[in-house]
Amino acid sequence: MKMNTVWPWLMVVSAGIGLRVGIASVSPLLDRIQTELGTGTAALGLLTAIPVICMGGLSFMGSAVERRWGLMRSMRIALGVLGIGLLWRGWAHGFAVLAMTAVLVGVGDALIRPLLSGFIKQTFGNGSHAVMGVYAASMGIGAALSAYATPHLAAALGSWQWGLGCWAVPVLLALLIWTRRSVPTNSPPPRTTAAPRLAAMGVVWLTLFFGLQAGVNYTVVAWLPSVCLAQGTTASTAAYLMALFLCVQTLSSLLFPIVLGRTGQRLMLLSLGFAGVTALGILLMPAGGWSAAVLLGIGTGGLFPIALSLPLIFSESSYEATRLSSLSQSGGYALGGLLPWLTGVAVPVLGATVAVVALCLAMLIVLMIVMGKVAFHQRSLRRL
């Protein structure tokens, strides 16, 4: 295979790997950070909440940044911001500095995600489904590696700060990869008037689709160990089930293009299937053990690349793909980050098992309704 063919895939994978390391690397070190910095649990929660808030509040800026500097330069700027935020953690000897790095990580993430969707649309066109599967899987790989390796790196380097800061390396490597290759970009279209109401409603349904599938995933990630422990499993077994869920989820995202290739372009039907698998896993969660973890991994792993693919399918240019991704991901991540918190509010009243199962099933029911609305508004979305 020629290098010109391989390099765009390498650009996508390198950027995808760096998108979740800023959040996933913090979680294993929270206890140590709390001990050394003397911060409360509420403040610690901000270290993972701030990037998600930035993704929810700033993703809409992706299309504006592309309009100002072009797709390739904007991606390089965003990767640079993310890399600086991660590298700065090596000198984070106070909570304020650590919080500032979380802001930079969130800003970088918020810009990269829609811009990368635009790049995939521009470079791969109708073959973007396969790339979206690899893109989603690369994010899962980055999250899994950083969550597993960060405590070991911190021990080896004798510093939790550099255990976090060393994750700037893959991001800066991605920046070098994106700097080496210059891909011609489409000229930004002239400013247009506001989209008609029907098109705006299409964006709303697409945003709900993204936010609900993200909310189910975040809720399972946040509360699956608690559900396991509430059912009497040991902490080691809960950790094993969590690892199994994440591994299957990554594999499901990677194999998504194969499933799509056999089912054609019937994405809504495919979405319904993945939603059904997720619902079955949730119903089995209280006593299903590994089978529930596997089903949850398959379902959520399939829904995520579908949510990433929809803006590309419903757009005709890289700029439109960036704009539609910016709009849907901005509100989608805000909604997705809110739902695990609502679950936490319900846990003291209903218990971990009932709260997680009930709210996740409710989200999936609404998600299935939204699928039909997204399909109905497919043509109107092209008018954006």
Protein backbone atom coordinates (compact mmCIF):
# COMPACT_ATOMS: atom_id res chain seq x y z
CA MET A 1 0.00 0.00 0.00
CA LYS A 2 1.35 3.41 -1.00
CA MET A 3 2.34 5.89 1.69
CA ASN A 4 -0.10 8.45 0.26
CA THR A 5 -2.87 5.95 1.00
CA VAL A 6 -1.65 5.00 4.47
CA TRP A 7 -0.82 8.49 5.74
CA PRO A 8 -4.39 9.87 6.05
CA TRP A 9 -5.33 6.79 8.10
CA LEU A 10 -2.28 7.43 10.30
CA MET A 11 -3.39 11.04 10.75
CA VAL A 12 -6.83 9.93 11.93
CA VAL A 13 -5.49 7.23 14.28
CA SER A 14 -2.82 9.48 15.81
CA ALA A 15 -5.33 12.24 16.54
CA GLY A 16 -7.93 9.77 17.86
CA ILE A 17 -5.52 8.15 20.32
CA GLY A 18 -4.83 11.49 21.97
CA LEU A 19 -8.45 12.56 22.43
CA ARG A 20 -9.26 10.66 25.64
CA VAL A 21 -5.87 10.39 27.36
CA GLY A 22 -6.34 13.76 29.06
CA ILE A 23 -9.37 12.46 30.99
CA ALA A 24 -8.61 8.75 31.29
CA SER A 25 -5.10 9.27 32.69
CA VAL A 26 -6.36 11.37 35.62
CA SER A 27 -8.80 8.87 37.14
CA PRO A 28 -6.21 6.29 38.36
CA LEU A 29 -4.29 9.00 40.23
CA LEU A 30 -7.15 10.87 41.90
CA ASP A 31 -6.44 9.42 45.36
CA ARG A 32 -2.76 10.38 45.15
CA ILE A 33 -3.57 13.87 43.83
CA GLN A 34 -6.03 14.39 46.69
CA THR A 35 -3.47 13.27 49.26
CA GLU A 36 -0.60 15.43 47.97
CA LEU A 37 -2.58 18.56 47.11
CA GLY A 38 -5.11 18.31 49.94
CA THR A 39 -8.09 18.97 47.67
CA GLY A 40 -11.67 17.89 48.33
CA THR A 41 -13.59 15.38 46.29
CA ALA A 42 -15.73 18.09 44.68
CA ALA A 43 -12.62 19.84 43.36
CA LEU A 44 -11.19 16.55 42.14
CA GLY A 45 -14.35 15.94 40.16
CA LEU A 46 -13.64 19.12 38.21
CA LEU A 47 -10.52 17.57 36.69
CA THR A 48 -12.67 15.22 34.63
CA ALA A 49 -15.75 17.46 34.45
CA ILE A 50 -13.98 20.53 33.00
CA PRO A 51 -12.90 18.86 29.72
CA VAL A 52 -16.42 17.47 29.18
CA ILE A 53 -17.91 20.91 29.91
CA CYS A 54 -15.52 22.44 27.37
CA MET A 55 -16.49 19.83 24.79
CA GLY A 56 -20.13 20.63 25.39
CA GLY A 57 -19.66 24.38 25.37
CA LEU A 58 -16.98 24.91 22.72
CA SER A 59 -17.41 22.21 20.06
CA PHE A 60 -19.63 24.60 18.09
CA MET A 61 -16.50 26.75 17.52
CA GLY A 62 -14.92 24.09 15.30
CA SER A 63 -16.54 25.41 12.12
CA ALA A 64 -15.69 29.03 13.01
CA VAL A 65 -12.04 28.14 13.59
CA GLU A 66 -11.94 26.24 10.28
CA ARG A 67 -13.47 29.24 8.50
CA ARG A 68 -10.75 31.50 9.96
CA TRP A 69 -7.62 29.36 9.50
CA GLY A 70 -8.59 26.43 7.28
CA LEU A 71 -8.98 22.80 8.26
CA MET A 72 -5.35 21.68 8.39
CA ARG A 73 -3.98 24.70 10.24
CA SER A 74 -6.90 24.56 12.68
CA MET A 75 -6.16 20.90 13.43
CA ARG A 76 -2.52 21.72 14.11
CA ILE A 77 -3.48 24.56 16.44
CA ALA A 78 -5.94 22.33 18.31
CA LEU A 79 -3.39 19.51 18.66
CA GLY A 80 -0.87 22.06 19.91
CA VAL A 81 -3.29 23.33 22.58
CA LEU A 82 -4.02 19.77 23.70
CA GLY A 83 -0.32 18.87 23.78
CA ILE A 84 0.59 21.97 25.81
CA GLY A 85 -2.18 21.24 28.31
CA LEU A 86 -0.94 17.68 28.84
CA LEU A 87 2.75 18.64 28.99
CA TRP A 88 2.06 21.41 31.52
CA ARG A 89 0.83 18.75 33.95
CA GLY A 90 4.44 17.79 34.51
CA TRP A 91 4.83 21.03 36.49
CA ALA A 92 1.40 20.97 38.15
CA HIS A 93 2.33 21.27 41.84
CA GLY A 94 -0.91 23.06 42.73
CA PHE A 95 -4.55 22.43 42.02
CA ALA A 96 -5.02 25.72 40.13
CA VAL A 97 -2.41 24.73 37.56
CA LEU A 98 -3.94 21.27 37.24
CA ALA A 99 -7.36 22.86 36.65
CA MET A 100 -5.88 25.12 33.95
CA THR A 101 -4.44 22.09 32.18
CA ALA A 102 -7.92 20.54 32.25
CA VAL A 103 -9.25 23.66 30.49
CA LEU A 104 -6.58 23.39 27.77
CA VAL A 105 -7.30 19.69 27.34
CA GLY A 106 -11.01 20.45 27.01
CA VAL A 107 -10.46 23.25 24.48
CA GLY A 108 -8.16 21.06 22.37
CA ASP A 109 -10.60 18.14 22.48
CA ALA A 110 -13.58 20.37 21.66
CA LEU A 111 -11.90 21.69 18.49
CA ILE A 112 -10.28 18.48 17.29
CA ARG A 113 -13.42 16.33 17.25
CA PRO A 114 -15.51 18.30 14.71
CA LEU A 115 -12.45 19.26 12.66
CA LEU A 116 -11.43 15.62 12.41
CA SER A 117 -14.92 14.76 11.17
CA GLY A 118 -14.51 17.37 8.46
CA PHE A 119 -11.11 15.96 7.51
CA ILE A 120 -12.53 12.45 7.23
CA LYS A 121 -15.40 13.68 5.05
CA GLN A 122 -13.01 15.58 2.80
CA THR A 123 -10.39 12.86 2.50
CA PHE A 124 -12.41 9.64 2.46
CA GLY A 125 -15.82 10.77 1.16
CA ASN A 126 -18.25 7.87 0.85
CA GLY A 127 -15.72 5.50 2.41
CA SER A 128 -15.86 7.33 5.73
CA HIS A 129 -17.73 4.56 7.62
CA ALA A 130 -14.63 2.38 7.83
CA VAL A 131 -12.55 5.36 8.97
CA MET A 132 -15.10 6.26 11.65
CA GLY A 133 -14.80 2.75 13.05
CA VAL A 134 -11.02 3.04 13.23
CA TYR A 135 -11.33 6.56 14.65
CA ALA A 136 -13.69 5.42 17.42
CA ALA A 137 -11.52 2.39 18.20
CA SER A 138 -8.37 4.54 18.38
CA MET A 139 -10.03 6.70 21.04
CA GLY A 140 -10.87 3.58 23.02
CA ILE A 141 -7.31 2.31 22.71
CA GLY A 142 -5.91 5.64 23.90
CA ALA A 143 -8.26 5.67 26.89
CA ALA A 144 -7.48 2.07 27.86
CA LEU A 145 -3.70 2.51 27.54
CA SER A 146 -3.63 5.73 29.54
CA ALA A 147 -5.88 4.37 32.29
CA TYR A 148 -3.74 1.25 32.65
CA ALA A 149 -0.26 2.71 32.19
CA THR A 150 -0.46 6.02 34.06
CA PRO A 151 0.04 4.58 37.59
CA HIS A 152 3.00 2.53 36.34
CA LEU A 153 4.53 5.55 34.61
CA ALA A 154 4.05 7.67 37.73
CA ALA A 155 5.83 5.01 39.82
CA ALA A 156 8.66 4.64 37.31
CA LEU A 157 9.19 8.40 37.00
CA GLY A 158 8.72 9.03 40.73
CA SER A 159 6.18 11.77 40.03
CA TRP A 160 2.45 11.65 39.46
CA GLN A 161 2.80 14.96 37.63
CA TRP A 162 4.99 13.42 34.94
CA GLY A 163 2.89 10.29 34.97
CA LEU A 164 0.22 12.61 33.57
CA GLY A 165 2.55 14.86 31.58
CA CYS A 166 4.08 12.05 29.53
CA TRP A 167 0.76 11.66 27.67
CA ALA A 168 1.70 14.79 25.76
CA VAL A 169 4.10 12.57 23.78
CA PRO A 170 1.48 10.81 21.60
CA VAL A 171 -0.33 14.11 21.05
CA LEU A 172 2.83 15.94 20.01
CA LEU A 173 3.70 12.98 17.78
CA ALA A 174 0.27 13.39 16.17
CA LEU A 175 1.06 17.08 15.66
CA LEU A 176 4.24 16.12 13.81
CA ILE A 177 2.27 13.70 11.64
CA TRP A 178 -0.29 16.38 10.80
CA THR A 179 2.48 18.90 10.10
CA ARG A 180 4.27 16.58 7.66
CA ARG A 181 1.27 16.04 5.43
CA SER A 182 -0.48 18.89 3.63
CA VAL A 183 -3.90 17.91 2.34
CA PRO A 184 -5.72 20.40 0.10
CA THR A 185 -8.80 21.75 1.83
CA ASN A 186 -12.04 23.04 0.46
CA SER A 187 -12.46 26.79 0.61
CA PRO A 188 -14.92 27.82 3.29
CA PRO A 189 -18.29 28.71 1.79
CA PRO A 190 -19.56 32.27 2.03
CA ARG A 191 -21.65 33.18 5.01
CA THR A 192 -25.26 32.19 4.58
CA THR A 193 -28.47 33.13 6.24
CA ALA A 194 -29.87 31.05 9.06
CA ALA A 195 -31.03 27.57 8.17
CA PRO A 196 -34.79 27.05 7.90
CA ARG A 197 -36.67 25.82 10.93
CA LEU A 198 -36.99 22.28 9.56
CA ALA A 199 -33.23 22.02 9.17
CA ALA A 200 -32.71 23.44 12.65
CA MET A 201 -35.01 20.77 14.07
CA GLY A 202 -32.97 18.17 12.23
CA VAL A 203 -29.88 19.37 14.08
CA VAL A 204 -31.80 19.12 17.35
CA TRP A 205 -32.65 15.46 16.70
CA LEU A 206 -29.06 14.73 15.66
CA THR A 207 -27.81 16.40 18.85
CA LEU A 208 -30.18 14.32 20.95
CA PHE A 209 -28.98 11.16 19.22
CA PHE A 210 -25.36 12.00 20.02
CA GLY A 211 -26.11 13.10 23.58
CA LEU A 212 -28.28 10.11 24.51
CA GLN A 213 -25.83 7.49 23.25
CA ALA A 214 -23.02 9.36 25.03
CA GLY A 215 -25.14 9.59 28.18
CA VAL A 216 -25.77 5.84 28.25
CA ASN A 217 -22.06 5.19 27.75
CA TYR A 218 -20.92 7.67 30.41
CA THR A 219 -23.50 6.35 32.86
CA VAL A 220 -22.37 2.75 32.38
CA VAL A 221 -18.70 3.75 32.67
CA ALA A 222 -19.35 5.74 35.85
CA TRP A 223 -21.74 3.35 37.60
CA LEU A 224 -21.08 -0.20 36.38
CA PRO A 225 -18.59 -0.90 39.22
CA SER A 226 -21.11 0.41 41.77
CA VAL A 227 -23.85 -1.83 40.38
CA CYS A 228 -21.52 -4.83 40.55
CA LEU A 229 -20.55 -4.07 44.14
CA ALA A 230 -24.21 -3.57 45.08
CA GLN A 231 -24.89 -7.09 43.82
CA GLY A 232 -22.21 -8.51 46.12
CA THR A 233 -19.31 -8.95 43.69
CA THR A 234 -15.76 -8.27 44.83
CA ALA A 235 -13.85 -5.15 43.83
CA SER A 236 -11.49 -7.23 41.67
CA THR A 237 -14.42 -8.82 39.83
CA ALA A 238 -15.99 -5.39 39.27
CA ALA A 239 -12.69 -4.17 37.83
CA TYR A 240 -12.51 -7.22 35.56
CA LEU A 241 -16.05 -6.61 34.26
CA MET A 242 -15.24 -2.95 33.64
CA ALA A 243 -12.12 -3.90 31.67
CA LEU A 244 -14.11 -6.48 29.70
CA PHE A 245 -16.76 -3.88 28.87
CA LEU A 246 -14.14 -1.39 27.61
CA CYS A 247 -12.30 -3.99 25.53
CA VAL A 248 -15.49 -5.25 23.87
CA GLN A 249 -16.60 -1.67 23.28
CA THR A 250 -13.35 -0.86 21.47
CA LEU A 251 -13.59 -4.06 19.40
CA SER A 252 -17.22 -3.28 18.53
CA SER A 253 -16.25 0.18 17.29
CA LEU A 254 -13.47 -1.31 15.18
CA LEU A 255 -15.70 -3.97 13.61
CA PHE A 256 -18.56 -1.54 12.98
CA PRO A 257 -17.59 -1.00 9.29
CA ILE A 258 -17.90 -4.75 8.62
CA VAL A 259 -21.43 -4.78 10.01
CA LEU A 260 -22.29 -1.65 8.05
CA GLY A 261 -20.88 -3.15 4.87
CA ARG A 262 -23.23 -6.13 5.16
CA THR A 263 -26.29 -4.05 5.96
CA GLY A 264 -25.81 -1.27 3.42
CA GLN A 265 -26.74 2.30 4.30
CA ARG A 266 -29.63 1.43 6.63
CA LEU A 267 -28.04 3.21 9.56
CA MET A 268 -31.25 3.69 11.50
CA LEU A 269 -31.97 -0.04 11.39
CA LEU A 270 -28.41 -0.72 12.49
CA SER A 271 -28.78 1.84 15.28
CA LEU A 272 -31.93 0.11 16.45
CA GLY A 273 -30.04 -3.18 16.64
CA PHE A 274 -27.20 -1.72 18.71
CA ALA A 275 -29.68 0.06 20.97
CA GLY A 276 -31.52 -3.24 21.50
CA VAL A 277 -28.28 -5.03 22.39
CA THR A 278 -27.46 -2.25 24.87
CA ALA A 279 -30.93 -2.51 26.42
CA LEU A 280 -30.52 -6.27 26.83
CA GLY A 281 -27.16 -5.73 28.51
CA ILE A 282 -28.70 -3.21 30.90
CA LEU A 283 -31.50 -5.60 31.82
CA LEU A 284 -28.91 -8.31 32.52
CA MET A 285 -26.60 -5.93 34.40
CA PRO A 286 -27.80 -6.74 37.94
CA ALA A 287 -26.99 -10.46 37.66
CA GLY A 288 -25.59 -11.03 34.18
CA GLY A 289 -21.89 -10.62 35.00
CA TRP A 290 -19.67 -11.02 31.97
CA SER A 291 -22.60 -11.48 29.55
CA ALA A 292 -24.00 -8.08 30.53
CA ALA A 293 -20.56 -6.48 30.14
CA VAL A 294 -20.15 -8.01 26.67
CA LEU A 295 -23.59 -6.89 25.49
CA LEU A 296 -23.08 -3.40 26.85
CA GLY A 297 -19.71 -3.18 25.10
CA ILE A 298 -21.17 -4.33 21.76
CA GLY A 299 -24.13 -1.93 21.94
CA THR A 300 -22.40 1.24 23.11
CA GLY A 301 -19.37 0.51 20.94
CA GLY A 302 -21.60 0.37 17.85
CA LEU A 303 -23.72 3.42 18.65
CA PHE A 304 -20.72 5.76 19.05
CA PRO A 305 -19.30 5.49 15.49
CA ILE A 306 -22.85 5.76 14.15
CA ALA A 307 -23.25 9.06 16.01
CA LEU A 308 -19.92 10.22 14.55
CA SER A 309 -20.89 9.11 11.04
CA LEU A 310 -24.30 10.77 10.79
CA PRO A 311 -23.02 14.37 10.28
CA LEU A 312 -20.76 13.11 7.48
CA ILE A 313 -23.60 11.25 5.77
CA PHE A 314 -25.91 14.26 5.95
CA SER A 315 -23.35 16.79 4.63
CA GLU A 316 -21.97 17.45 1.17
CA SER A 317 -18.58 19.03 1.98
CA SER A 318 -15.92 18.97 4.65
CA TYR A 319 -17.05 22.38 5.92
CA GLU A 320 -20.64 21.20 6.26
CA ALA A 321 -19.42 18.06 8.05
CA THR A 322 -17.38 20.18 10.47
CA ARG A 323 -20.31 22.54 11.06
CA LEU A 324 -22.86 19.79 11.62
CA SER A 325 -20.44 17.87 13.86
CA SER A 326 -19.73 21.06 15.83
CA LEU A 327 -23.42 21.73 16.45
CA SER A 328 -24.40 18.16 17.33
CA GLN A 329 -21.37 17.43 19.50
CA SER A 330 -21.57 20.71 21.41
CA GLY A 331 -25.04 20.04 22.76
CA GLY A 332 -24.51 16.28 22.69
CA TYR A 333 -21.54 16.27 25.02
CA ALA A 334 -23.31 18.67 27.39
CA LEU A 335 -26.28 16.29 27.54
CA GLY A 336 -24.04 13.23 27.78
CA GLY A 337 -22.13 14.70 30.72
CA LEU A 338 -25.33 15.67 32.54
CA LEU A 339 -26.96 12.23 32.53
CA PRO A 340 -24.44 10.42 34.79
CA TRP A 341 -24.85 13.25 37.29
CA LEU A 342 -28.64 12.75 37.23
CA THR A 343 -28.02 9.08 37.87
CA GLY A 344 -25.93 10.00 40.87
CA VAL A 345 -28.78 12.13 42.20
CA ALA A 346 -31.14 9.14 41.87
CA VAL A 347 -28.80 6.56 43.44
CA PRO A 348 -29.39 7.56 47.11
CA VAL A 349 -33.15 7.33 46.54
CA LEU A 350 -33.46 4.25 44.32
CA GLY A 351 -30.17 2.43 44.91
CA ALA A 352 -27.38 2.02 42.38
CA THR A 353 -28.90 -0.91 40.49
CA VAL A 354 -32.42 0.46 40.05
CA ALA A 355 -31.24 3.99 39.27
CA VAL A 356 -28.74 2.92 36.58
CA VAL A 357 -31.03 0.36 34.94
CA ALA A 358 -34.12 2.59 34.97
CA LEU A 359 -32.43 5.73 33.67
CA CYS A 360 -30.39 3.93 31.00
CA LEU A 361 -33.50 2.13 29.72
CA ALA A 362 -35.38 5.44 29.66
CA MET A 363 -32.56 7.04 27.67
CA LEU A 364 -32.55 4.16 25.19
CA ILE A 365 -36.32 4.40 24.67
CA VAL A 366 -36.00 8.11 23.89
CA LEU A 367 -32.98 7.31 21.68
CA MET A 368 -35.07 4.90 19.60
CA ILE A 369 -37.72 7.62 19.10
CA VAL A 370 -34.99 10.07 18.09
CA MET A 371 -33.67 7.58 15.48
CA GLY A 372 -36.89 7.91 13.52
CA LYS A 373 -36.76 11.70 13.73
CA VAL A 374 -33.15 11.75 12.47
CA ALA A 375 -34.11 9.57 9.51
CA PHE A 376 -37.10 11.83 8.76
CA HIS A 377 -34.93 14.97 8.77
CA GLN A 378 -32.10 13.52 6.67
CA ARG A 379 -32.88 15.64 3.62
CA SER A 380 -33.46 18.83 5.58
CA LEU A 381 -30.08 18.46 7.29
CA ARG A 382 -28.43 18.84 3.87
CA ARG A 383 -29.82 22.38 3.66
CA LEU A 384 -27.55 23.61 6.45
